[in-house]
Protein backbone atom coordinates (compact mmCIF):
# COMPACT_ATOMS: atom_id res chain seq x y z
CA MET A 1 122.56 92.11 71.35
CA ALA A 2 119.29 93.73 72.36
CA THR A 3 119.54 96.67 74.72
CA ALA A 4 117.60 97.16 77.94
CA LYS A 5 115.72 99.99 76.21
CA SER A 6 114.59 97.58 73.49
CA TRP A 7 113.35 95.04 76.04
CA ILE A 8 111.40 97.74 77.88
CA LYS A 9 109.90 98.80 74.56
CA ALA A 10 108.95 95.19 73.77
CA ALA A 11 107.32 94.88 77.21
CA ARG A 12 104.97 97.74 76.21
CA PRO A 13 104.60 99.50 79.58
CA ARG A 14 101.47 101.31 78.41
CA THR A 15 99.58 98.00 78.36
CA LEU A 16 100.36 97.21 82.00
CA PRO A 17 97.69 99.46 83.59
CA LEU A 18 95.07 97.46 81.72
CA ALA A 19 96.52 94.14 82.83
CA LEU A 20 96.49 95.29 86.45
CA SER A 21 92.93 96.62 86.41
CA GLY A 22 91.29 93.20 86.64
CA ILE A 23 93.63 92.12 89.44
CA LEU A 24 93.04 95.29 91.44
CA MET A 25 89.29 94.99 90.95
CA GLY A 26 89.36 91.44 92.35
CA CYS A 27 91.40 92.64 95.34
CA GLY A 28 89.06 95.58 95.98
CA LEU A 29 86.01 93.34 95.89
CA ALA A 30 87.69 90.92 98.31
CA TRP A 31 88.34 93.85 100.67
CA PHE A 32 84.69 94.89 100.41
CA TYR A 33 83.66 91.40 101.54
CA ASP A 34 86.31 91.44 104.30
CA ALA A 35 88.21 88.59 102.71
CA VAL A 36 91.39 90.18 101.31
CA GLN A 37 94.81 88.59 101.85
CA ALA A 38 97.80 90.89 101.41
CA ALA A 39 100.25 88.20 100.25
CA VAL A 40 97.82 86.81 97.67
CA SER A 41 96.99 90.28 96.34
CA VAL A 42 100.63 91.39 95.97
CA LEU A 43 101.64 88.14 94.32
CA ALA A 44 98.67 88.35 91.94
CA ILE A 45 99.79 91.81 90.82
CA ILE A 46 103.37 90.61 90.15
CA THR A 47 102.19 87.48 88.34
CA ALA A 48 99.74 89.39 86.15
CA THR A 49 102.48 91.84 85.17
CA CYS A 50 104.78 88.99 84.10
CA ILE A 51 102.03 87.31 82.09
CA GLN A 52 101.25 90.58 80.30
CA VAL A 53 104.92 91.09 79.43
CA PHE A 54 105.05 87.52 78.11
CA SER A 55 101.94 88.22 76.03
CA ASN A 56 103.51 91.38 74.59
CA PHE A 57 106.71 89.52 73.71
CA ALA A 58 104.67 86.80 72.00
CA ASN A 59 102.61 89.39 70.10
CA ASP A 60 105.75 91.15 68.90
CA TYR A 61 107.22 87.82 67.83
CA GLY A 62 104.04 86.50 66.19
CA ASP A 63 103.19 89.59 64.16
CA SER A 64 106.74 89.72 62.81
CA GLN A 65 106.36 86.12 61.63
CA ARG A 66 103.08 86.88 59.90
CA GLY A 67 104.29 90.08 58.29
CA THR A 68 101.63 92.20 59.97
CA ASP A 69 104.28 94.43 61.51
CA ASN A 70 105.45 96.25 58.40
CA GLU A 71 105.98 99.75 57.02
CA PHE A 72 102.23 100.19 56.54
CA ARG A 73 101.32 99.57 60.17
CA LEU A 74 100.11 102.74 61.91
CA GLY A 75 101.06 101.84 65.48
CA PRO A 76 104.50 101.98 67.13
CA THR A 77 107.31 100.06 65.43
CA ARG A 78 107.85 96.67 67.06
CA THR A 79 111.23 95.40 68.19
CA VAL A 80 111.48 92.17 66.19
CA GLN A 81 110.16 93.90 63.07
CA SER A 82 112.79 96.64 63.38
CA GLY A 83 115.63 94.26 64.25
CA GLU A 84 116.17 95.73 67.70
CA ILE A 85 115.61 92.24 69.12
CA SER A 86 116.35 89.15 67.04
CA LYS A 87 113.83 86.33 66.78
CA LYS A 88 116.18 84.07 68.72
CA GLU A 89 116.55 86.63 71.50
CA MET A 90 112.79 87.08 71.66
CA GLU A 91 112.28 83.32 71.89
CA THR A 92 114.67 83.30 74.87
CA GLY A 93 112.86 86.27 76.40
CA MET A 94 109.51 84.53 76.07
CA PHE A 95 110.90 81.38 77.67
CA VAL A 96 112.35 83.27 80.65
CA VAL A 97 109.32 85.49 81.32
CA GLY A 98 106.86 82.67 80.62
CA GLY A 99 108.71 80.36 83.01
CA LEU A 100 108.80 83.04 85.70
CA SER A 101 105.06 83.66 85.22
CA PHE A 102 104.35 79.96 85.63
CA LEU A 103 106.41 79.63 88.82
CA LEU A 104 104.88 82.74 90.35
CA GLY A 105 101.44 81.46 89.36
CA ILE A 106 102.03 78.16 91.18
CA TRP A 107 103.08 80.06 94.31
CA LEU A 108 100.04 82.33 94.05
CA VAL A 109 97.58 79.48 93.59
CA PHE A 110 99.21 77.49 96.40
CA LEU A 111 98.72 80.40 98.83
CA GLY A 112 95.14 80.92 97.75
CA THR A 113 93.82 77.35 97.52
CA TRP A 114 96.02 74.56 98.86
CA SER A 115 94.84 74.65 102.47
CA SER A 116 91.15 74.80 101.50
CA SER A 117 90.70 72.92 98.22
CA LYS A 118 93.11 70.73 96.26
CA THR A 119 90.59 70.67 93.42
CA ALA A 120 90.70 74.47 93.22
CA PHE A 121 94.52 74.33 93.24
CA PHE A 122 94.72 72.11 90.17
CA SER A 123 91.88 73.97 88.45
CA PHE A 124 93.72 77.28 88.83
CA ILE A 125 96.97 75.71 87.62
CA GLY A 126 95.09 74.63 84.51
CA LEU A 127 93.73 78.14 84.02
CA GLY A 128 97.23 79.56 84.45
CA ILE A 129 98.62 77.27 81.75
CA LEU A 130 95.67 78.17 79.53
CA SER A 131 96.36 81.88 79.99
CA LEU A 132 100.00 81.45 78.90
CA VAL A 133 98.97 79.35 75.90
CA ALA A 134 96.34 81.94 74.97
CA ALA A 135 98.89 84.74 75.31
CA TYR A 136 101.25 82.95 72.92
CA PHE A 137 98.74 81.88 70.30
CA TYR A 138 97.08 85.29 70.02
CA THR A 139 99.35 86.08 67.06
CA ALA A 140 102.12 83.45 67.20
CA GLY A 141 101.97 79.96 65.73
CA LYS A 142 100.07 78.62 62.72
CA LYS A 143 96.70 78.60 64.54
CA SER A 144 96.81 82.12 66.02
CA TYR A 145 93.27 83.07 67.01
CA GLY A 146 93.93 86.81 66.76
CA TYR A 147 93.94 86.42 62.98
CA ILE A 148 90.43 84.95 62.83
CA GLY A 149 88.57 87.52 64.93
CA LEU A 150 88.65 85.75 68.30
CA GLY A 151 90.96 88.21 70.03
CA ASP A 152 88.06 90.18 71.49
CA LEU A 153 86.59 87.11 73.18
CA PHE A 154 89.90 86.07 74.72
CA VAL A 155 90.67 89.60 75.97
CA PHE A 156 87.20 89.79 77.55
CA LEU A 157 87.86 86.50 79.34
CA PHE A 158 91.52 86.87 80.30
CA PHE A 159 91.48 90.60 81.15
CA GLY A 160 88.01 90.72 82.69
CA LEU A 161 86.11 87.67 83.88
CA LEU A 162 89.01 85.43 84.89
CA PRO A 163 91.31 87.90 86.69
CA VAL A 164 88.51 89.62 88.63
CA ALA A 165 86.67 86.47 89.67
CA GLY A 166 89.87 84.43 90.02
CA VAL A 167 91.70 86.90 92.26
CA PHE A 168 88.56 87.35 94.35
CA TYR A 169 88.36 83.59 94.88
CA LEU A 170 92.07 83.28 95.70
CA ASN A 171 91.61 85.92 98.38
CA ALA A 172 88.24 84.87 99.73
CA GLY A 173 87.96 81.14 99.05
CA PHE A 174 84.44 81.59 97.68
CA ILE A 175 82.65 83.36 94.82
CA PHE A 176 79.41 85.30 94.36
CA PRO A 177 77.59 85.60 91.00
CA GLU A 178 77.46 89.38 91.54
CA ILE A 179 81.25 89.53 91.28
CA PHE A 180 80.90 89.00 87.54
CA LEU A 181 79.25 92.40 87.07
CA PRO A 182 82.44 94.44 87.71
CA ALA A 183 84.33 91.66 85.91
CA ILE A 184 82.19 92.35 82.84
CA THR A 185 83.05 96.04 83.20
CA ILE A 186 86.79 95.43 83.13
CA GLY A 187 86.37 92.86 80.36
CA PHE A 188 84.54 95.25 78.06
CA PHE A 189 86.85 98.20 78.78
CA SER A 190 89.86 95.98 78.02
CA THR A 191 88.28 94.69 74.82
CA GLY A 192 87.65 98.32 73.90
CA VAL A 193 91.40 98.94 73.96
CA LEU A 194 91.95 96.01 71.59
CA ASN A 195 89.15 97.27 69.36
CA LEU A 196 90.80 100.69 69.10
CA ASN A 197 94.08 99.00 68.22
CA ASN A 198 92.37 97.00 65.49
CA MET A 199 90.43 100.03 64.22
CA ARG A 200 93.71 101.92 63.90
CA ASP A 201 95.29 99.11 61.85
CA ILE A 202 92.19 98.03 59.91
CA ASP A 203 93.63 98.51 56.40
CA ASN A 204 97.00 96.90 57.12
CA ASP A 205 95.36 94.01 58.99
CA ARG A 206 93.02 93.37 56.07
CA ASN A 207 95.92 93.36 53.61
CA SER A 208 97.94 91.05 55.90
CA GLY A 209 95.13 88.51 56.30
CA LYS A 210 94.45 89.42 59.93
CA ILE A 211 90.65 89.26 60.09
CA THR A 212 89.81 91.26 63.21
CA ILE A 213 86.34 92.42 64.25
CA PRO A 214 86.87 95.88 62.65
CA VAL A 215 88.01 94.19 59.43
CA ARG A 216 84.77 92.19 59.44
CA MET A 217 82.50 95.06 60.49
CA GLY A 218 84.12 98.05 58.86
CA ALA A 219 85.34 101.28 60.45
CA ARG A 220 81.96 102.90 61.18
CA LYS A 221 80.21 99.86 62.68
CA SER A 222 83.33 99.20 64.78
CA ARG A 223 82.81 102.57 66.43
CA PHE A 224 79.27 101.62 67.46
CA TYR A 225 80.62 98.26 68.66
CA HIS A 226 83.08 100.25 70.78
CA LEU A 227 80.30 102.45 72.13
CA PHE A 228 78.28 99.35 73.05
CA MET A 229 81.16 97.86 75.06
CA ILE A 230 81.82 101.06 76.99
CA PHE A 231 78.10 101.53 77.73
CA ILE A 232 77.60 97.93 78.96
CA GLY A 233 80.75 98.23 81.06
CA TRP A 234 79.45 101.29 82.84
CA ALA A 235 75.94 99.83 83.20
CA SER A 236 77.34 96.69 84.85
CA ALA A 237 79.31 98.74 87.38
CA VAL A 238 76.27 100.87 88.24
CA VAL A 239 74.01 97.81 88.65
CA PHE A 240 76.53 96.17 91.02
CA THR A 241 76.84 99.36 93.07
CA LEU A 242 73.08 99.84 93.36
CA ASN A 243 72.62 96.21 94.40
CA HIS A 244 75.34 96.52 97.07
CA PHE A 245 74.87 100.13 98.10
CA HIS A 246 76.28 101.03 101.51
CA SER A 247 77.61 104.54 101.00
CA PRO A 248 77.63 107.35 98.39
CA TRP A 249 81.41 106.87 98.28
CA GLN A 250 80.79 103.78 96.15
CA PHE A 251 79.94 106.08 93.24
CA LEU A 252 83.39 107.68 93.38
CA PHE A 253 84.19 106.01 90.04
CA VAL A 254 81.72 108.36 88.29
CA LEU A 255 84.45 111.02 88.46
CA VAL A 256 86.13 109.45 85.42
CA LEU A 257 82.95 109.32 83.31
CA PRO A 258 83.70 112.67 81.57
CA PHE A 259 87.00 111.22 80.27
CA PHE A 260 85.18 108.24 78.76
CA VAL A 261 82.56 110.49 77.17
CA ARG A 262 85.19 112.89 75.80
CA ASP A 263 87.11 110.04 74.17
CA LEU A 264 83.98 108.45 72.69
CA VAL A 265 83.10 111.76 71.04
CA GLY A 266 86.64 112.06 69.72
CA ILE A 267 86.65 108.51 68.36
CA PHE A 268 83.50 109.17 66.34
CA ARG A 269 84.89 112.43 64.95
CA ILE A 270 88.25 111.08 63.83
CA GLN A 271 88.67 110.37 60.12
CA ASN A 272 92.36 109.43 60.00
CA ASP A 273 92.94 106.00 61.59
CA ARG A 274 96.44 106.98 62.72
CA GLN A 275 94.88 109.51 65.09
CA LEU A 276 93.22 106.69 67.07
CA ASP A 277 96.53 105.62 68.60
CA PRO A 278 96.50 108.02 71.61
CA PHE A 279 93.03 106.77 72.56
CA LEU A 280 94.45 103.31 73.34
CA LYS A 281 96.65 104.67 76.11
CA ARG A 282 93.90 106.98 77.35
CA LEU A 283 91.35 104.17 77.62
CA ALA A 284 93.87 101.93 79.40
CA LEU A 285 94.66 104.70 81.91
CA SER A 286 90.97 105.62 82.27
CA THR A 287 90.21 101.98 83.02
CA LEU A 288 92.89 101.90 85.70
CA ALA A 289 91.60 105.18 87.19
CA PHE A 290 88.05 103.80 87.12
CA THR A 291 89.22 100.65 88.89
CA LEU A 292 91.14 102.51 91.57
CA LEU A 293 88.23 104.84 92.32
CA PHE A 294 85.78 101.92 92.31
CA CYS A 295 87.97 100.05 94.80
CA VAL A 296 88.56 103.10 97.00
CA GLY A 297 84.81 103.58 97.16
CA LEU A 298 84.36 99.94 98.18
CA ILE A 299 87.05 100.20 100.85
CA ILE A 300 85.58 103.37 102.36
CA ALA A 301 82.07 101.88 102.29
CA SER A 302 83.28 98.75 104.08
CA GLN A 303 84.67 100.64 107.08
């Protein structure tokens, strides 16, 4: 029987800061527009955490089926691959966490939409189901889109655009086009984490038939692709701030820029793909720090 330590490992705690960044950004923007709801925001954070854990379970399960998790993989050993958690146990784990995510999602959407728009309620339920389906089919199933180079697009949508704009709407009951600028920021930073993961495993993915963007582009061009995403992410945040400038505190997020620059330089200098692994965690934590400082700046400016 799988141990609690194995389940925690399968949940991949280091991915959770990234999953929470989009939610927190949506909450911070809602606060800035004086439209935040505490119950909606807290429930959104809990729901997003459950969905991310479900996604990690499904990824562990799917890659073991495909044979991508093997002795040649450069990242951490996965639990199904190593036998720490059996496939049957992981299927049960996915069912439990996925079901909990769905129930929490219904509660969240009910609080955020039912009294104002039944159409919005059912639309968000549909998006919630789509997010769970997308989380499963990233690597699991016969039609897994992560194996044909579509992972970047789905991460951009489900870690950036949808959580930021969706949580803002659930809090505020309305949406502004400008909200999508910080959503683009979180989307590109999140996709950057996936890109680093795929750059690290480029050789093994190619040999396993997993055709990621780095496999298609090659190691060097993937680094420039990474640079492009980080640059556009920062540019989008700056444009939003300049267009909604109330206080110098709104540029508090610039404090983390040196960490992004340092890691970009390091990524271009690295020759051994295995050495890219620490940059995944650092970008995820830098994204969370960026988000927190961005939101703190918004909150101070709104006083």
